[in-house]
C-alpha atoms as a PDB file:
ATOM      1  CA  MET A   1      25.312 -46.033  83.328  1.00  0.00           C
ATOM      2  CA  ALA A   2      24.519 -48.597  80.687  1.00  0.00           C
ATOM      3  CA  ILE A   3      21.054 -47.101  80.310  1.00  0.00           C
ATOM      4  CA  GLU A   4      22.462 -43.593  79.771  1.00  0.00           C
ATOM      5  CA  GLU A   5      24.910 -44.850  77.145  1.00  0.00           C
ATOM      6  CA  MET A   6      22.100 -46.690  75.407  1.00  0.00           C
ATOM      7  CA  SER A   7      19.989 -43.503  75.431  1.00  0.00           C
ATOM      8  CA  ILE A   8      22.856 -41.444  73.960  1.00  0.00           C
ATOM      9  CA  LEU A   9      23.379 -44.062  71.223  1.00  0.00           C
ATOM     10  CA  ILE A  10      19.696 -44.106  70.342  1.00  0.00           C
ATOM     11  CA  ASN A  11      19.610 -40.274  70.167  1.00  0.00           C
ATOM     12  CA  ALA A  12      22.695 -40.265  67.932  1.00  0.00           C
ATOM     13  CA  ILE A  13      21.113 -42.853  65.633  1.00  0.00           C
ATOM     14  CA  LEU A  14      17.903 -40.801  65.491  1.00  0.00           C
ATOM     15  CA  CYS A  15      19.898 -37.650  64.646  1.00  0.00           C
ATOM     16  CA  VAL A  16      21.710 -39.443  61.833  1.00  0.00           C
ATOM     17  CA  LEU A  17      18.445 -40.843  60.505  1.00  0.00           C
ATOM     18  CA  SER A  18      16.848 -37.383  60.673  1.00  0.00           C
ATOM     19  CA  PHE A  19      19.789 -35.891  58.758  1.00  0.00           C
ATOM     20  CA  VAL A  20      19.593 -38.647  56.119  1.00  0.00           C
ATOM     21  CA  LEU A  21      15.835 -38.089  55.819  1.00  0.00           C
ATOM     22  CA  ALA A  22      16.402 -34.324  55.375  1.00  0.00           C
ATOM     23  CA  VAL A  23      19.019 -34.973  52.662  1.00  0.00           C
ATOM     24  CA  ILE A  24      16.658 -37.360  50.884  1.00  0.00           C
ATOM     25  CA  SER A  25      13.887 -34.745  51.082  1.00  0.00           C
ATOM     26  CA  VAL A  26      16.162 -32.042  49.589  1.00  0.00           C
ATOM     27  CA  ILE A  27      17.254 -34.365  46.784  1.00  0.00           C
ATOM     28  CA  THR A  28      13.625 -35.297  46.120  1.00  0.00           C
ATOM     29  CA  VAL A  29      12.617 -31.622  45.936  1.00  0.00           C
ATOM     30  CA  ILE A  30      15.514 -30.834  43.576  1.00  0.00           C
ATOM     31  CA  LEU A  31      14.658 -33.758  41.293  1.00  0.00           C
ATOM     32  CA  THR A  32      10.987 -32.790  41.356  1.00  0.00           C
ATOM     33  CA  LEU A  33      11.790 -29.169  40.435  1.00  0.00           C
ATOM     34  CA  LYS A  34      14.037 -30.305  37.596  1.00  0.00           C
ATOM     35  CA  GLN A  35      11.361 -32.643  36.319  1.00  0.00           C
ATOM     36  CA  ASN A  36       8.728 -29.917  36.568  1.00  0.00           C
ATOM     37  CA  GLY A  37      11.042 -27.464  34.782  1.00  0.00           C
ATOM     38  CA  LYS A  38      11.620 -29.977  31.997  1.00  0.00           C
ATOM     39  CA  MET A  39       7.871 -30.561  31.669  1.00  0.00           C
ATOM     40  CA  ILE A  40       7.258 -26.792  31.577  1.00  0.00           C
ATOM     41  CA  ARG A  41       9.909 -26.339  28.867  1.00  0.00           C
ATOM     42  CA  ILE A  42       8.384 -29.129  26.808  1.00  0.00           C
ATOM     43  CA  SER A  43       4.927 -27.615  27.258  1.00  0.00           C
ATOM     44  CA  ASN A  44       6.174 -24.146  26.287  1.00  0.00           C
ATOM     45  CA  ALA A  45       7.897 -25.578  23.222  1.00  0.00           C
ATOM     46  CA  GLN A  46       4.693 -27.353  22.232  1.00  0.00           C
ATOM     47  CA  ILE A  47       2.668 -24.169  22.789  1.00  0.00           C
ATOM     48  CA  SER A  48       5.198 -22.141  20.736  1.00  0.00           C
ATOM     49  CA  GLU A  49       5.039 -24.728  17.967  1.00  0.00           C
ATOM     50  CA  MET A  50       1.240 -24.627  17.996  1.00  0.00           C
ATOM     51  CA  ARG A  51       1.302 -20.816  17.996  1.00  0.00           C
ATOM     52  CA  LYS A  52       3.764 -20.789  15.081  1.00  0.00           C
ATOM     53  CA  GLU A  53       1.652 -23.297  13.205  1.00  0.00           C
ATOM     54  CA  HIS A  54      -1.405 -21.127  13.799  1.00  0.00           C
ATOM     55  CA  GLU A  55       0.432 -17.994  12.648  1.00  0.00           C
ATOM     56  CA  LEU A  56       1.544 -19.717   9.432  1.00  0.00           C
ATOM     57  CA  SER A  57      -1.800 -21.387   8.784  1.00  0.00           C
ATOM     58  CA  LEU A  58      -2.896 -18.446   6.606  1.00  0.00           C
ATOM     59  CA  GLN A  59       0.253 -17.552   4.687  1.00  0.00           C
ATOM     60  CA  PRO A  60      -0.127 -14.990   1.875  1.00  0.00           C
ATOM     61  CA  VAL A  61       1.841 -15.674  -1.301  1.00  0.00           C
ATOM     62  CA  LEU A  62       2.995 -12.416  -2.882  1.00  0.00           C
ATOM     63  CA  SER A  63       4.343 -12.021  -6.388  1.00  0.00           C
ATOM     64  CA  PHE A  64       6.093  -9.218  -8.313  1.00  0.00           C
ATOM     65  CA  SER A  65       5.589  -8.494 -12.004  1.00  0.00           C
ATOM     66  CA  ASN A  66       6.302  -5.889 -14.720  1.00  0.00           C
ATOM     67  CA  PRO A  67       9.442  -4.300 -13.231  1.00  0.00           C
ATOM     68  CA  VAL A  68      10.432  -1.072 -15.009  1.00  0.00           C
ATOM     69  CA  PHE A  69      13.274   1.341 -14.292  1.00  0.00           C
ATOM     70  CA  PHE A  70      12.709   4.814 -15.733  1.00  0.00           C
ATOM     71  CA  ILE A  71      14.631   8.032 -16.325  1.00  0.00           C
ATOM     72  CA  GLU A  72      12.952  11.401 -16.711  1.00  0.00           C
ATOM     73  CA  LYS A  73      14.429  13.968 -19.078  1.00  0.00           C
ATOM     74  CA  PRO A  74      16.714  16.612 -17.512  1.00  0.00           C
ATOM     75  CA  ARG A  75      14.828  19.487 -15.910  1.00  0.00           C
ATOM     76  CA  LEU A  76      15.496  22.470 -13.686  1.00  0.00           C
ATOM     77  CA  PHE A  77      14.747  21.834 -10.016  1.00  0.00           C
ATOM     78  CA  TYR A  78      14.530  24.169  -7.037  1.00  0.00           C
ATOM     79  CA  SER A  79      14.921  23.069  -3.422  1.00  0.00           C
ATOM     80  CA  PRO A  80      13.542  25.877  -1.157  1.00  0.00           C
ATOM     81  CA  PRO A  81      15.140  24.833   2.175  1.00  0.00           C
ATOM     82  CA  GLU A  82      18.669  25.133   0.783  1.00  0.00           C
ATOM     83  CA  SER A  83      17.770  27.640  -1.963  1.00  0.00           C
ATOM     84  CA  GLU A  84      19.524  25.227  -4.299  1.00  0.00           C
ATOM     85  CA  TYR A  85      18.991  25.013  -8.052  1.00  0.00           C
ATOM     86  CA  SER A  86      20.105  22.047 -10.121  1.00  0.00           C
ATOM     87  CA  ILE A  87      19.617  20.531 -13.551  1.00  0.00           C
ATOM     88  CA  GLN A  88      19.178  16.803 -13.322  1.00  0.00           C
ATOM     89  CA  SER A  89      17.122  13.783 -14.267  1.00  0.00           C
ATOM     90  CA  ARG A  90      14.908  11.924 -11.845  1.00  0.00           C
ATOM     91  CA  PHE A  91      15.162   8.153 -11.571  1.00  0.00           C
ATOM     92  CA  GLY A  92      12.551   5.702 -10.433  1.00  0.00           C
ATOM     93  CA  PHE A  93      11.481   2.086 -10.286  1.00  0.00           C
ATOM     94  CA  GLU A  94       7.961   0.738 -10.802  1.00  0.00           C
ATOM     95  CA  ILE A  95       6.697  -2.774 -10.150  1.00  0.00           C
ATOM     96  CA  GLU A  96       3.362  -4.494  -9.525  1.00  0.00           C
ATOM     97  CA  ILE A  97       2.744  -6.591  -6.428  1.00  0.00           C
ATOM     98  CA  LYS A  98      -0.093  -9.109  -6.177  1.00  0.00           C
ATOM     99  CA  ASN A  99      -1.340 -11.585  -3.588  1.00  0.00           C
ATOM    100  CA  LEU A 100      -1.787 -14.957  -5.303  1.00  0.00           C
ATOM    101  CA  SER A 101      -3.358 -16.753  -2.329  1.00  0.00           C
ATOM    102  CA  SER A 102      -6.729 -16.494  -0.597  1.00  0.00           C
ATOM    103  CA  ALA A 103      -4.994 -15.486   2.653  1.00  0.00           C
ATOM    104  CA  VAL A 104      -5.070 -11.725   3.163  1.00  0.00           C
ATOM    105  CA  ALA A 105      -1.803  -9.826   3.638  1.00  0.00           C
ATOM    106  CA  VAL A 106      -1.982  -6.771   5.926  1.00  0.00           C
ATOM    107  CA  TYR A 107       0.325  -3.877   6.826  1.00  0.00           C
ATOM    108  CA  ILE A 108       2.673  -4.461   3.890  1.00  0.00           C
ATOM    109  CA  ILE A 109       5.783  -2.252   4.100  1.00  0.00           C
ATOM    110  CA  CYS A 110       7.352  -1.869   0.638  1.00  0.00           C
ATOM    111  CA  SER A 111      10.743  -0.291  -0.021  1.00  0.00           C
ATOM    112  CA  GLY A 112      13.061   0.031  -3.013  1.00  0.00           C
ATOM    113  CA  THR A 113      16.831   0.353  -3.367  1.00  0.00           C
ATOM    114  CA  ILE A 114      19.101   0.836  -6.367  1.00  0.00           C
ATOM    115  CA  LYS A 115      22.820   0.177  -6.557  1.00  0.00           C
ATOM    116  CA  ALA A 116      24.920   2.142  -9.039  1.00  0.00           C
ATOM    117  CA  ASN A 117      28.554   1.012  -8.985  1.00  0.00           C
ATOM    118  CA  ASP A 118      29.490   1.352  -5.290  1.00  0.00           C
ATOM    119  CA  GLU A 119      26.703   3.790  -4.395  1.00  0.00           C
ATOM    120  CA  THR A 120      23.403   2.670  -2.851  1.00  0.00           C
ATOM    121  CA  TYR A 121      20.261   4.813  -2.924  1.00  0.00           C
ATOM    122  CA  ASP A 122      17.147   4.164  -0.842  1.00  0.00           C
ATOM    123  CA  SER A 123      13.657   5.409  -1.588  1.00  0.00           C
ATOM    124  CA  CYS A 124      10.844   6.360   0.734  1.00  0.00           C
ATOM    125  CA  SER A 125       8.792   3.336   1.736  1.00  0.00           C
ATOM    126  CA  LYS A 126       5.121   2.743   1.030  1.00  0.00           C
ATOM    127  CA  GLN A 127       2.598   1.021   3.288  1.00  0.00           C
ATOM    128  CA  ILE A 128      -0.322  -0.975   1.883  1.00  0.00           C
ATOM    129  CA  ASN A 129      -2.887  -1.695   4.554  1.00  0.00           C
ATOM    130  CA  ILE A 130      -4.574  -4.680   2.863  1.00  0.00           C
ATOM    131  CA  LEU A 131      -3.566  -6.726  -0.175  1.00  0.00           C
ATOM    132  CA  ALA A 132      -6.104  -9.290  -1.303  1.00  0.00           C
ATOM    133  CA  GLY A 133      -6.958  -9.961  -4.945  1.00  0.00           C
ATOM    134  CA  SER A 134      -6.258  -6.806  -6.939  1.00  0.00           C
ATOM    135  CA  PRO A 135      -2.600  -5.941  -7.709  1.00  0.00           C
ATOM    136  CA  GLU A 136      -0.978  -2.747  -6.443  1.00  0.00           C
ATOM    137  CA  LYS A 137       1.550  -0.691  -8.394  1.00  0.00           C
ATOM    138  CA  LEU A 138       4.605   0.391  -6.413  1.00  0.00           C
ATOM    139  CA  HIS A 139       6.393   3.575  -7.434  1.00  0.00           C
ATOM    140  CA  PHE A 140       9.813   4.411  -5.980  1.00  0.00           C
ATOM    141  CA  MET A 141      11.816   7.589  -6.626  1.00  0.00           C
ATOM    142  CA  PHE A 142      15.534   7.986  -5.918  1.00  0.00           C
ATOM    143  CA  LEU A 143      17.679  11.011  -5.172  1.00  0.00           C
ATOM    144  CA  GLU A 144      21.109  10.804  -6.738  1.00  0.00           C
ATOM    145  CA  GLN A 145      23.882  11.866  -4.356  1.00  0.00           C
ATOM    146  CA  LYS A 146      26.753  11.721  -6.841  1.00  0.00           C
ATOM    147  CA  ARG A 147      25.851  13.520 -10.069  1.00  0.00           C
ATOM    148  CA  GLY A 148      25.960  11.179 -13.078  1.00  0.00           C
ATOM    149  CA  GLU A 149      26.548   7.969 -11.078  1.00  0.00           C
ATOM    150  CA  VAL A 150      23.309   6.336 -12.237  1.00  0.00           C
ATOM    151  CA  PHE A 151      23.872   7.364 -15.865  1.00  0.00           C
ATOM    152  CA  SER A 152      27.394   5.916 -15.730  1.00  0.00           C
ATOM    153  CA  SER A 153      26.073   2.626 -14.355  1.00  0.00           C
ATOM    154  CA  LEU A 154      23.441   2.424 -17.118  1.00  0.00           C
ATOM    155  CA  ARG A 155      26.147   2.872 -19.757  1.00  0.00           C
ATOM    156  CA  GLU A 156      28.384   0.144 -18.315  1.00  0.00           C
ATOM    157  CA  GLU A 157      29.492  -2.559 -20.753  1.00  0.00           C
ATOM    158  CA  ASN A 158      30.481  -4.879 -17.910  1.00  0.00           C
ATOM    159  CA  THR A 159      27.279  -6.699 -16.901  1.00  0.00           C
ATOM    160  CA  ASN A 160      28.576  -7.154 -13.341  1.00  0.00           C
ATOM    161  CA  LYS A 161      28.551  -3.365 -12.902  1.00  0.00           C
ATOM    162  CA  LEU A 162      25.130  -2.672 -14.382  1.00  0.00           C
ATOM    163  CA  LEU A 163      22.509  -0.898 -12.276  1.00  0.00           C
ATOM    164  CA  GLN A 164      20.643  -3.184  -9.865  1.00  0.00           C
ATOM    165  CA  CYS A 165      17.257  -2.700  -8.210  1.00  0.00           C
ATOM    166  CA  GLU A 166      16.040  -4.386  -5.036  1.00  0.00           C
ATOM    167  CA  VAL A 167      12.476  -4.582  -3.753  1.00  0.00           C
ATOM    168  CA  GLU A 168      11.804  -5.630  -0.156  1.00  0.00           C
ATOM    169  CA  VAL A 169       8.429  -6.146   1.475  1.00  0.00           C
ATOM    170  CA  VAL A 170       7.658  -7.148   5.050  1.00  0.00           C
ATOM    171  CA  PHE A 171       4.066  -8.009   5.842  1.00  0.00           C
ATOM    172  CA  ARG A 172       1.727  -9.750   8.237  1.00  0.00           C
ATOM    173  CA  ASN A 173      -1.233 -12.087   7.967  1.00  0.00           C
ATOM    174  CA  THR A 174      -4.482 -12.062   9.944  1.00  0.00           C
ATOM    175  CA  THR A 175      -3.312 -14.730  12.412  1.00  0.00           C
ATOM    176  CA  GLY A 176      -0.273 -12.846  13.752  1.00  0.00           C
ATOM    177  CA  GLY A 177       2.495 -14.140  11.472  1.00  0.00           C
ATOM    178  CA  ALA A 178       5.111 -11.925   9.813  1.00  0.00           C
ATOM    179  CA  PHE A 179       7.074 -12.471   6.605  1.00  0.00           C
ATOM    180  CA  ARG A 180       9.817 -10.946   4.451  1.00  0.00           C
ATOM    181  CA  MET A 181      10.224 -11.080   0.683  1.00  0.00           C
ATOM    182  CA  LYS A 182      13.127  -9.699  -1.394  1.00  0.00           C
ATOM    183  CA  LYS A 183      13.797  -9.662  -5.120  1.00  0.00           C
ATOM    184  CA  HIS A 184      16.707  -8.290  -7.151  1.00  0.00           C
ATOM    185  CA  TYR A 185      16.629  -7.053 -10.729  1.00  0.00           C
ATOM    186  CA  ILE A 186      19.323  -5.961 -13.162  1.00  0.00           C
ATOM    187  CA  VAL A 187      18.737  -2.988 -15.465  1.00  0.00           C
ATOM    188  CA  ASN A 188      20.101  -3.608 -18.960  1.00  0.00           C
ATOM    189  CA  PRO A 189      19.127  -0.872 -21.464  1.00  0.00           C
ATOM    190  CA  LYS A 190      18.443  -1.842 -25.065  1.00  0.00           C
ATOM    191  CA  GLU A 191      20.743  -0.609 -27.791  1.00  0.00           C
ATOM    192  CA  GLU A 192      18.154   1.822 -29.168  1.00  0.00           C
ATOM    193  CA  THR A 193      17.904   3.674 -25.832  1.00  0.00           C
ATOM    194  CA  ILE A 194      21.653   4.034 -25.218  1.00  0.00           C
ATOM    195  CA  GLY A 195      21.897   7.061 -27.523  1.00  0.00           C
ATOM    196  CA  GLU A 196      19.178   8.940 -25.636  1.00  0.00           C
ATOM    197  CA  ILE A 197      20.731   8.014 -22.277  1.00  0.00           C
ATOM    198  CA  LYS A 198      24.105   9.371 -23.438  1.00  0.00           C
ATOM    199  CA  LYS A 199      22.458  12.613 -24.580  1.00  0.00           C
ATOM    200  CA  TRP A 200      20.675  13.173 -21.249  1.00  0.00           C
ATOM    201  CA  HIS A 201      23.852  12.262 -19.359  1.00  0.00           C
ATOM    202  CA  SER A 202      25.739  14.896 -21.343  1.00  0.00           C
ATOM    203  CA  ILE A 203      23.108  17.560 -20.524  1.00  0.00           C
ATOM    204  CA  VAL A 204      23.270  16.825 -16.789  1.00  0.00           C
ATOM    205  CA  ALA A 205      27.066  16.551 -16.677  1.00  0.00           C
ATOM    206  CA  SER A 206      27.666  19.869 -18.474  1.00  0.00           C
ATOM    207  CA  ALA A 207      24.845  21.844 -16.825  1.00  0.00           C
ATOM    208  CA  GLU A 208      26.884  23.351 -13.987  1.00  0.00           C
ATOM    209  CA  VAL A 209      29.445  24.715 -16.469  1.00  0.00           C
ATOM    210  CA  GLU A 210      27.070  25.687 -19.283  1.00  0.00           C
ATOM    211  CA  TYR A 211      24.590  27.492 -17.028  1.00  0.00           C
ATOM    212  CA  LYS A 212      26.970  28.548 -14.264  1.00  0.00           C
ATOM    213  CA  GLU A 213      26.054  32.251 -14.417  1.00  0.00           C
ATOM    214  CA  GLU A 214      22.272  31.664 -14.502  1.00  0.00           C
ATOM    215  CA  LEU A 215      22.385  29.143 -11.655  1.00  0.00           C
ATOM    216  CA  ASN A 216      24.477  31.447  -9.461  1.00  0.00           C
ATOM    217  CA  ARG A 217      22.046  34.311 -10.065  1.00  0.00           C
ATOM    218  CA  LEU A 218      19.102  32.099  -9.136  1.00  0.00           C
ATOM    219  CA  ARG A 219      20.822  30.915  -5.957  1.00  0.00           C
ATOM    220  CA  ALA A 220      21.560  34.499  -4.962  1.00  0.00           C
ATOM    221  CA  SER A 221      17.902  35.469  -5.511  1.00  0.00           C
ATOM    222  CA  HIS A 222      16.642  32.882  -2.959  1.00  0.00           C
ATOM    223  CA  GLY A 223      13.705  31.883  -5.134  1.00  0.00           C
ATOM    224  CA  LYS A 224      12.583  35.391  -6.130  1.00  0.00           C
ATOM    225  CA  ASP A 225      13.845  35.659  -9.719  1.00  0.00           C
ATOM    226  CA  HIS A 226      10.839  34.020 -11.405  1.00  0.00           C
ATOM    227  CA  VAL A 227      11.600  35.458 -14.850  1.00  0.00           C
ATOM    228  CA  LEU A 228      15.070  33.911 -14.999  1.00  0.00           C
ATOM    229  CA  PHE A 229      13.770  30.632 -13.577  1.00  0.00           C
ATOM    230  CA  CYS A 230      11.114  30.278 -16.288  1.00  0.00           C
ATOM    231  CA  LYS A 231      13.516  31.324 -19.036  1.00  0.00           C
ATOM    232  CA  LEU A 232      16.143  28.765 -17.989  1.00  0.00           C
ATOM    233  CA  ARG A 233      13.509  26.076 -17.520  1.00  0.00           C
ATOM    234  CA  GLU A 234      12.192  26.570 -21.053  1.00  0.00           C
ATOM    235  CA  GLU A 235      15.706  26.561 -22.508  1.00  0.00           C
ATOM    236  CA  ILE A 236      16.496  23.229 -20.852  1.00  0.00           C
ATOM    237  CA  ASN A 237      13.162  21.741 -21.913  1.00  0.00           C
ATOM    238  CA  LYS A 238      13.917  22.593 -25.558  1.00  0.00           C
ATOM    239  CA  LYS A 239      17.033  20.433 -25.438  1.00  0.00           C
ATOM    240  CA  GLU A 240      14.771  17.376 -25.426  1.00  0.00           C
ATOM    241  CA  GLU A 241      11.328  17.737 -26.995  1.00  0.00           C
ATOM    242  CA  ASN A 242      10.773  14.171 -28.214  1.00  0.00           C
ATOM    243  CA  GLU A 243      10.849  12.094 -25.040  1.00  0.00           C
ATOM    244  CA  ASN A 244       9.820  12.918 -21.467  1.00  0.00           C
ATOM    245  CA  ARG A 245      10.815   9.562 -20.028  1.00  0.00           C
ATOM    246  CA  ILE A 246      12.820   6.468 -20.918  1.00  0.00           C
ATOM    247  CA  ASN A 247      11.479   3.111 -19.674  1.00  0.00           C
ATOM    248  CA  ILE A 248      13.932   0.235 -19.277  1.00  0.00           C
ATOM    249  CA  ASN A 249      12.776  -3.320 -18.612  1.00  0.00           C
ATOM    250  CA  CYS A 250      14.517  -5.270 -15.844  1.00  0.00           C
ATOM    251  CA  ALA A 251      15.630  -8.898 -15.617  1.00  0.00           C
ATOM    252  CA  GLU A 252      15.180 -10.855 -12.392  1.00  0.00           C
ATOM    253  CA  LEU A 253      18.212 -12.219 -10.518  1.00  0.00           C
ATOM    254  CA  ASP A 254      16.927 -15.508  -9.075  1.00  0.00           C
ATOM    255  CA  LYS A 255      19.928 -16.214  -6.847  1.00  0.00           C
ATOM    256  CA  PHE A 256      19.053 -13.273  -4.580  1.00  0.00           C
ATOM    257  CA  PHE A 257      15.404 -14.242  -4.021  1.00  0.00           C
ATOM    258  CA  VAL A 258      14.332 -14.315  -0.348  1.00  0.00           C
ATOM    259  CA  TYR A 259      11.000 -15.475   1.114  1.00  0.00           C
ATOM    260  CA  GLU A 260      10.963 -16.227   4.842  1.00  0.00           C
ATOM    261  CA  SER A 261       8.954 -15.943   8.021  1.00  0.00           C
ATOM    262  CA  ILE A 262      10.186 -13.490  10.647  1.00  0.00           C
ATOM    263  CA  SER A 263       9.245 -12.628  14.213  1.00  0.00           C
ATOM    264  CA  ILE A 264       6.931  -9.761  15.101  1.00  0.00           C
ATOM    265  CA  ASP A 265       9.857  -8.048  16.841  1.00  0.00           C
ATOM    266  CA  GLU A 266      11.913  -8.201  13.645  1.00  0.00           C
ATOM    267  CA  TYR A 267       8.956  -6.903  11.621  1.00  0.00           C
ATOM    268  CA  THR A 268       8.589  -3.973  14.032  1.00  0.00           C
ATOM    269  CA  LYS A 269      12.328  -3.282  13.858  1.00  0.00           C
ATOM    270  CA  VAL A 270      12.345  -3.235  10.036  1.00  0.00           C
ATOM    271  CA  LYS A 271       9.312  -0.943   9.976  1.00  0.00           C
ATOM    272  CA  GLY A 272      10.988   1.454  12.411  1.00  0.00           C
ATOM    273  CA  GLN A 273      14.038   1.725  10.143  1.00  0.00           C
ATOM    274  CA  LYS A 274      12.018   2.795   7.087  1.00  0.00           C
ATOM    275  CA  SER A 275      11.233   6.354   5.990  1.00  0.00           C
ATOM    276  CA  PHE A 276       7.738   7.265   4.852  1.00  0.00           C
ATOM    277  CA  PRO A 277       6.609  10.360   2.899  1.00  0.00           C
ATOM    278  CA  THR A 278       4.728  12.957   4.958  1.00  0.00           C
ATOM    279  CA  PHE A 279       1.845  15.053   3.680  1.00  0.00           C
ATOM    280  CA  ILE A 280       2.376  18.641   4.857  1.00  0.00           C
ATOM    281  CA  GLY A 281      -0.886  20.137   3.601  1.00  0.00           C
ATOM    282  CA  PHE A 282      -1.976  22.484   0.862  1.00  0.00           C
ATOM    283  CA  ASN A 283      -1.416  25.754   2.719  1.00  0.00           C
ATOM    284  CA  GLN A 284       2.097  26.167   1.414  1.00  0.00           C
ATOM    285  CA  LYS A 285       3.710  28.822  -0.713  1.00  0.00           C
ATOM    286  CA  GLU A 286       3.010  28.280  -4.389  1.00  0.00           C
ATOM    287  CA  CYS A 287       5.804  26.609  -6.362  1.00  0.00           C
ATOM    288  CA  ILE A 288       7.672  29.203  -8.394  1.00  0.00           C
ATOM    289  CA  ALA A 289       7.392  26.914 -11.417  1.00  0.00           C
ATOM    290  CA  ASN A 290       3.629  27.650 -11.455  1.00  0.00           C
ATOM    291  CA  GLN A 291       3.873  31.399 -10.986  1.00  0.00           C
ATOM    292  CA  ASP A 292       3.378  33.848 -13.820  1.00  0.00           C
ATOM    293  CA  PRO A 293       6.784  35.399 -14.587  1.00  0.00           C
ATOM    294  CA  LEU A 294       5.091  38.594 -15.678  1.00  0.00           C
END
């Protein structure tokens, strides 16, 4: 009997020891996995840092210069899809962009925006495949949604409400890095141009009333009354024979300057949000402005 009790006790002790050994093994595995996970995270962080350092090793330095906002004299325009005729001025913004560094910038997406009072107007974007030494001239055109809003902003006496222009570029380098650059400018016309701006504003603002009958006849013709179109176009052109365009220099707003590195995903997202002009070919119906009225 004593031998059986001793055997049971030994088996119990062995079971307890086996259980303790199993617990120790589980704890050891857990600690090992945590340690391995920590080492992997540290290694990944080091690899990411090395990758980032490699991506930024060739960082292009872009610079803007010679910003100019311009207004074209009022003209008669025809939009075939809507059969819409309007008398208005076109607005645009021009600026030069140059790469100051030896690192090449590639796939540069350039876009322009103007803010007139509470209205914001975006232009079509432009892509430059490679920007090395020679500067590129960017040309942005804007479609005014509210008639006269841009003219009103240009005539503002309150400097806080003057027209503002923004240029944004996102670009990449040859080692996989991506960057964003933004600059803001304020458009402040000189005193000698204010008179001409007021005159053109008056022409645009009164056009719908002054030429109401002619415009309605053109809209009803759906682009077929070439004689009336040419006659009205010439009449509007005679209202301003001295200047075809007014150029206004812009002053930089330093507090809004942005230059930063971004992820490739963010670069792709920004590019996907932009609109680019599309070439539709030469086999289109001739513009009625070029057709012989006779």
